[in-house]
Protein backbone atom coordinates (compact mmCIF):
# COMPACT_ATOMS: atom_id res chain seq x y z
CA UNK A 1 0.30 0.21 0.08
CA UNK A 2 1.69 3.25 -1.10
CA UNK A 3 -0.78 5.66 1.13
CA UNK A 4 -2.75 5.98 4.16
CA UNK A 5 -6.20 4.67 4.45
CA UNK A 6 -8.45 4.58 6.96
CA UNK A 7 -12.43 4.34 7.42
CA UNK A 8 -13.36 5.55 10.82
CA UNK A 9 -16.97 6.30 11.34
CA UNK A 10 -17.78 8.48 14.61
CA UNK A 11 -21.73 9.47 15.61
CA UNK A 12 -21.21 12.11 17.90
CA UNK A 13 -24.06 13.95 20.59
CA UNK A 14 -24.27 17.12 22.41
CA UNK A 15 -27.32 18.65 23.62
CA UNK A 16 -27.84 22.92 23.96
CA UNK A 17 -27.22 24.75 27.20
CA UNK A 18 -29.62 23.39 30.02
CA UNK A 19 -31.22 21.57 27.99
CA UNK A 20 -33.34 24.01 26.20
CA UNK A 21 -35.30 23.53 23.61
CA UNK A 22 -33.73 26.34 21.25
CA UNK A 23 -33.56 24.11 17.83
CA UNK A 24 -36.52 25.64 17.12
CA UNK A 25 -37.65 24.73 13.45
CA UNK A 26 -36.91 27.63 12.31
CA UNK A 27 -33.69 27.99 12.87
CA UNK A 28 -33.17 24.05 12.88
CA UNK A 29 -31.69 23.85 9.12
CA UNK A 30 -29.78 26.58 9.90
CA UNK A 31 -27.84 25.03 13.06
CA UNK A 32 -27.32 21.85 10.43
CA UNK A 33 -26.36 24.12 7.65
CA UNK A 34 -23.48 26.16 10.06
CA UNK A 35 -22.10 22.23 11.45
CA UNK A 36 -21.90 20.48 7.94
CA UNK A 37 -19.57 23.89 6.87
CA UNK A 38 -17.84 23.79 10.04
CA UNK A 39 -17.16 19.41 9.02
CA UNK A 40 -16.65 20.12 5.29
CA UNK A 41 -14.25 22.85 6.60
CA UNK A 42 -12.45 20.59 8.79
CA UNK A 43 -12.30 17.78 6.04
CA UNK A 44 -14.79 15.80 7.86
CA UNK A 45 -17.38 13.37 5.43
CA UNK A 46 -20.72 14.42 7.41
CA UNK A 47 -22.84 11.30 6.79
CA UNK A 48 -26.29 12.41 8.21
CA UNK A 49 -27.11 14.91 10.85
CA UNK A 50 -30.82 15.10 12.67
CA UNK A 51 -31.97 16.00 16.47
CA UNK A 52 -34.25 18.05 17.97
CA UNK A 53 -35.11 21.04 20.01
CA UNK A 54 -32.32 19.91 22.78
CA UNK A 55 -29.81 17.80 21.33
CA UNK A 56 -28.20 17.59 17.59
CA UNK A 57 -26.48 14.00 16.54
CA UNK A 58 -23.53 13.85 14.03
CA UNK A 59 -22.23 10.94 12.20
CA UNK A 60 -19.09 11.52 10.02
CA UNK A 61 -16.82 10.32 8.72
CA UNK A 62 -13.76 10.52 10.61
CA UNK A 63 -10.42 12.70 9.21
CA UNK A 64 -7.38 11.97 10.79
CA UNK A 65 -5.86 15.49 10.87
CA UNK A 66 -7.69 16.40 13.61
CA UNK A 67 -8.80 14.77 17.20
CA UNK A 68 -12.42 14.61 18.15
CA UNK A 69 -12.45 17.19 20.73
CA UNK A 70 -10.72 19.57 18.58
CA UNK A 71 -13.86 18.74 15.94
CA UNK A 72 -16.40 18.99 18.24
CA UNK A 73 -14.58 22.12 19.38
CA UNK A 74 -14.80 23.35 16.46
CA UNK A 75 -18.32 22.81 15.61
CA UNK A 76 -19.48 23.64 18.45
CA UNK A 77 -17.72 26.78 18.73
CA UNK A 78 -18.64 27.99 14.95
CA UNK A 79 -22.28 26.77 14.54
CA UNK A 80 -23.10 28.62 18.10
CA UNK A 81 -21.33 31.82 16.99
CA UNK A 82 -22.71 31.52 13.64
CA UNK A 83 -26.51 31.28 15.48
CA UNK A 84 -25.97 33.79 18.24
CA UNK A 85 -24.36 36.38 15.74
CA UNK A 86 -26.25 36.29 12.87
CA UNK A 87 -29.11 34.69 13.11
CA UNK A 88 -30.60 35.08 16.42
CA UNK A 89 -28.06 37.89 17.59
CA UNK A 90 -31.32 38.95 20.32
CA UNK A 91 -31.91 35.73 21.39
CA UNK A 92 -29.95 33.15 23.79
CA UNK A 93 -28.10 29.96 21.86
CA UNK A 94 -25.54 28.24 23.61
CA UNK A 95 -24.20 24.56 23.26
CA UNK A 96 -23.57 22.86 26.67
CA UNK A 97 -19.35 22.34 27.75
CA UNK A 98 -19.81 18.35 27.09
CA UNK A 99 -20.55 15.06 24.18
CA UNK A 100 -20.19 12.28 23.56
CA UNK A 101 -18.52 10.29 20.52
CA UNK A 102 -19.41 5.87 19.70
CA UNK A 103 -17.34 4.31 16.89
CA UNK A 104 -19.55 3.29 14.24
CA UNK A 105 -18.88 0.16 12.81
CA UNK A 106 -19.07 0.26 8.46
CA UNK A 107 -21.68 -2.11 8.63
CA UNK A 108 -23.99 -0.23 10.79
CA UNK A 109 -23.09 3.43 9.11
CA UNK A 110 -27.10 2.65 7.35
CA UNK A 111 -28.80 1.98 11.08
CA UNK A 112 -27.23 4.30 13.13
CA UNK A 113 -27.47 7.51 10.05
CA UNK A 114 -31.49 6.44 9.73
CA UNK A 115 -31.48 6.45 13.62
CA UNK A 116 -29.93 10.28 13.32
CA UNK A 117 -32.10 11.36 10.28
CA UNK A 118 -35.63 10.62 12.23
CA UNK A 119 -34.87 11.84 15.85
CA UNK A 120 -38.13 13.96 15.99
CA UNK A 121 -39.47 10.40 15.54
CA UNK A 122 -37.62 8.13 17.87
CA UNK A 123 -38.38 11.12 20.52
CA UNK A 124 -42.48 11.40 20.09
CA UNK A 125 -43.01 7.83 20.08
CA UNK A 126 -40.44 7.11 22.99
CA UNK A 127 -38.22 4.46 20.33
CA UNK A 128 -35.02 6.15 21.73
CA UNK A 129 -31.73 4.34 22.14
CA UNK A 130 -30.96 5.50 25.52
CA UNK A 131 -26.98 4.76 25.23
CA UNK A 132 -26.96 7.13 22.49
CA UNK A 133 -29.71 9.86 24.26
CA UNK A 134 -28.68 9.37 27.78
CA UNK A 135 -24.88 9.75 28.16
CA UNK A 136 -24.33 13.46 29.29
CA UNK A 137 -26.72 15.32 31.48
């Protein structure tokens, strides 16, 4: 093999400050777009993004050029700045400090992506996967 090859996938989950329901439908797509833009800047491939009013799930192909903590710091920081300064400057928007990150096997990508894309349904039907939803306050 002449060059490096990696196949790394991570599922991240993080919440709004105090789990406040501030990712309202009017800004949800803008929040997700800001997260996707930052991922692209970091050479991170977004596979799925979803969530509800108080938290976000993100599934990515993970680059070897950045650490998990650096990636999350950049994503949360840039998206929070964008929303609080350009979208809803008169309203409160902030992420909580913690996050969860899970490795995902190549064979599980479709299942995890579907779970992420259907967050609203899972939460309304109480069909959540507790490990992925309750791992942080």
